Protein backbone atom coordinates (compact mmCIF):
# COMPACT_ATOMS: atom_id res chain seq x y z
CA UNK A 1 -7.58 24.74 105.55
CA UNK A 2 -4.19 23.59 104.28
CA UNK A 3 -3.65 21.66 107.52
CA UNK A 4 -6.96 19.86 107.04
CA UNK A 5 -6.09 18.95 103.45
CA UNK A 6 -2.67 17.73 104.52
CA UNK A 7 -4.20 15.64 107.32
CA UNK A 8 -6.71 14.10 104.93
CA UNK A 9 -3.97 13.37 102.37
CA UNK A 10 -1.81 11.68 105.00
CA UNK A 11 -4.74 9.66 106.28
CA UNK A 12 -5.64 8.53 102.77
CA UNK A 13 -2.06 7.59 101.95
CA UNK A 14 -1.89 5.52 105.13
CA UNK A 15 -5.07 3.71 104.18
CA UNK A 16 -3.77 3.08 100.65
CA UNK A 17 -0.48 1.71 101.96
CA UNK A 18 -2.29 -0.71 104.26
CA UNK A 19 -4.44 -2.21 101.47
CA UNK A 20 -2.09 -5.13 100.66
CA UNK A 21 -2.43 -6.26 104.26
CA UNK A 22 -6.18 -6.42 103.70
CA UNK A 23 -5.95 -8.61 100.58
CA UNK A 24 -8.57 -10.89 102.08
CA UNK A 25 -10.70 -10.92 105.19
CA UNK A 26 -9.66 -14.35 106.39
CA UNK A 27 -7.38 -14.94 109.33
CA UNK A 28 -7.25 -18.69 108.74
CA UNK A 29 -8.99 -21.64 107.11
CA UNK A 30 -11.81 -21.68 109.67
CA UNK A 31 -12.67 -18.05 108.82
CA UNK A 32 -12.80 -19.03 105.16
CA UNK A 33 -15.16 -21.92 105.95
CA UNK A 34 -17.45 -19.63 107.97
CA UNK A 35 -17.52 -17.12 105.13
CA UNK A 36 -18.27 -19.62 102.38
CA UNK A 37 -20.93 -21.37 104.48
CA UNK A 38 -22.65 -18.03 105.08
CA UNK A 39 -22.53 -17.23 101.35
CA UNK A 40 -23.98 -20.64 100.47
CA UNK A 41 -26.74 -20.21 103.06
CA UNK A 42 -27.77 -16.94 101.42
CA UNK A 43 -27.68 -18.63 98.02
CA UNK A 44 -29.80 -21.46 99.39
CA UNK A 45 -32.38 -19.06 100.84
CA UNK A 46 -32.88 -17.26 97.53
CA UNK A 47 -32.86 -20.48 95.48
CA UNK A 48 -35.43 -22.18 97.74
CA UNK A 49 -37.71 -19.14 97.66
CA UNK A 50 -37.82 -19.15 93.86
CA UNK A 51 -38.25 -22.93 93.82
CA UNK A 52 -41.19 -22.73 96.22
CA UNK A 53 -42.91 -20.28 93.88
CA UNK A 54 -42.42 -22.53 90.85
CA UNK A 55 -43.72 -25.53 92.81
CA UNK A 56 -46.83 -23.59 93.76
CA UNK A 57 -46.13 -23.79 97.49
CA UNK A 58 -46.22 -20.00 97.72
CA UNK A 59 -47.84 -17.52 95.33
CA UNK A 60 -45.75 -16.69 92.28
CA UNK A 61 -44.57 -13.08 92.38
CA UNK A 62 -42.40 -11.97 89.47
CA UNK A 63 -41.04 -8.98 91.40
CA UNK A 64 -39.95 -11.27 94.22
CA UNK A 65 -38.32 -13.62 91.71
CA UNK A 66 -36.50 -10.64 90.22
CA UNK A 67 -35.18 -9.62 93.67
CA UNK A 68 -34.07 -13.17 94.44
CA UNK A 69 -32.42 -13.55 91.02
CA UNK A 70 -30.59 -10.26 91.48
CA UNK A 71 -29.34 -11.44 94.87
CA UNK A 72 -28.22 -14.76 93.38
CA UNK A 73 -26.29 -12.98 90.63
CA UNK A 74 -24.25 -11.26 93.35
CA UNK A 75 -24.07 -14.03 95.94
CA UNK A 76 -22.82 -16.70 93.53
CA UNK A 77 -19.65 -14.67 93.01
CA UNK A 78 -18.71 -14.71 96.70
CA UNK A 79 -17.79 -18.15 98.06
CA UNK A 80 -15.03 -19.17 95.65
CA UNK A 81 -12.24 -17.05 97.13
CA UNK A 82 -12.74 -18.81 100.46
CA UNK A 83 -11.66 -22.12 98.90
CA UNK A 84 -8.22 -20.72 98.04
CA UNK A 85 -7.19 -19.52 101.50
CA UNK A 86 -4.23 -21.44 102.96
CA UNK A 87 -5.58 -23.92 105.47
CA UNK A 88 -9.10 -23.98 104.04
CA UNK A 89 -8.50 -27.51 102.79
CA UNK A 90 -7.79 -28.70 106.34
CA UNK A 91 -10.48 -26.68 108.08
CA UNK A 92 -13.83 -28.12 109.01
CA UNK A 93 -16.58 -27.93 106.48
CA UNK A 94 -18.87 -30.03 104.38
CA UNK A 95 -16.66 -30.77 101.42
CA UNK A 96 -15.39 -34.05 100.03
CA UNK A 97 -11.65 -34.58 99.66
CA UNK A 98 -12.30 -34.77 95.90
CA UNK A 99 -12.82 -31.02 95.85
CA UNK A 100 -9.22 -30.33 96.81
CA UNK A 101 -7.99 -32.91 94.30
CA UNK A 102 -10.07 -31.35 91.51
CA UNK A 103 -9.92 -27.67 92.41
CA UNK A 104 -9.71 -26.58 88.75
CA UNK A 105 -12.92 -28.45 87.90
CA UNK A 106 -14.57 -27.08 91.02
CA UNK A 107 -13.58 -23.51 90.11
CA UNK A 108 -14.90 -23.97 86.57
CA UNK A 109 -18.19 -25.18 88.02
CA UNK A 110 -18.24 -22.13 90.28
CA UNK A 111 -17.75 -19.87 87.27
CA UNK A 112 -20.59 -21.63 85.45
CA UNK A 113 -22.78 -21.36 88.54
CA UNK A 114 -22.22 -17.60 88.65
CA UNK A 115 -22.85 -17.35 84.90
CA UNK A 116 -26.08 -19.36 85.31
CA UNK A 117 -27.15 -16.97 88.07
CA UNK A 118 -26.46 -14.01 85.78
CA UNK A 119 -28.57 -15.68 83.06
CA UNK A 120 -31.34 -16.25 85.61
CA UNK A 121 -31.17 -12.60 86.60
CA UNK A 122 -31.38 -11.53 82.97
CA UNK A 123 -34.36 -13.84 82.34
CA UNK A 124 -36.08 -12.55 85.48
CA UNK A 125 -35.68 -8.97 84.32
CA UNK A 126 -37.60 -9.93 81.18
CA UNK A 127 -40.48 -11.10 83.37
CA UNK A 128 -41.48 -14.05 81.15
CA UNK A 129 -42.23 -16.97 83.45
CA UNK A 130 -41.21 -19.77 81.05
CA UNK A 131 -37.85 -18.13 80.35
CA UNK A 132 -37.26 -17.58 84.06
CA UNK A 133 -38.20 -21.17 84.84
CA UNK A 134 -35.82 -22.52 82.19
CA UNK A 135 -32.95 -20.39 83.46
CA UNK A 136 -33.77 -21.38 87.03
CA UNK A 137 -33.75 -25.08 86.13
CA UNK A 138 -30.28 -24.73 84.56
CA UNK A 139 -29.03 -22.84 87.63
CA UNK A 140 -30.47 -25.37 90.10
CA UNK A 141 -29.17 -28.37 88.14
CA UNK A 142 -25.67 -26.91 88.18
CA UNK A 143 -25.97 -26.39 91.93
CA UNK A 144 -27.02 -30.02 92.46
CA UNK A 145 -24.26 -31.41 90.22
CA UNK A 146 -21.61 -29.67 92.26
CA UNK A 147 -23.15 -30.95 95.48
CA UNK A 148 -23.16 -34.48 94.09
CA UNK A 149 -19.44 -34.29 93.30
CA UNK A 150 -18.03 -32.13 96.05
CA UNK A 151 -20.31 -31.71 99.06
CA UNK A 152 -20.12 -34.16 101.94
CA UNK A 153 -23.37 -34.89 103.70
């Protein structure tokens, strides 16, 4: 029993010591681009689904909106780290050069985007369609504004 505990303790200490090496999951700028593009695709999917319900293109389902809003509250926190990886500014991707020149503004917009998603999630939990729609509009407008300034077509 003592041998098993010692083995587990040694294994755990080895894992803990290796954590700094795993500070991020990116090998290079291209990995960062792949990661952030995947995160934005997931954001897009959830945003479009809610939008289609508000436009009447698919039946409105408050439980589905709640699931999408919950996902957005999580997903909107993910892509920002991938913009800070060395080499990410020279990797391929659909960003304007202005992003790298205005990284502080971009990061502030990212923080607002995540905060807007959290507000959307909170409104969705309340279940009141008008409140959800207002929070969604704010969230979507913030998304578009960032695209206008920093996304290359």
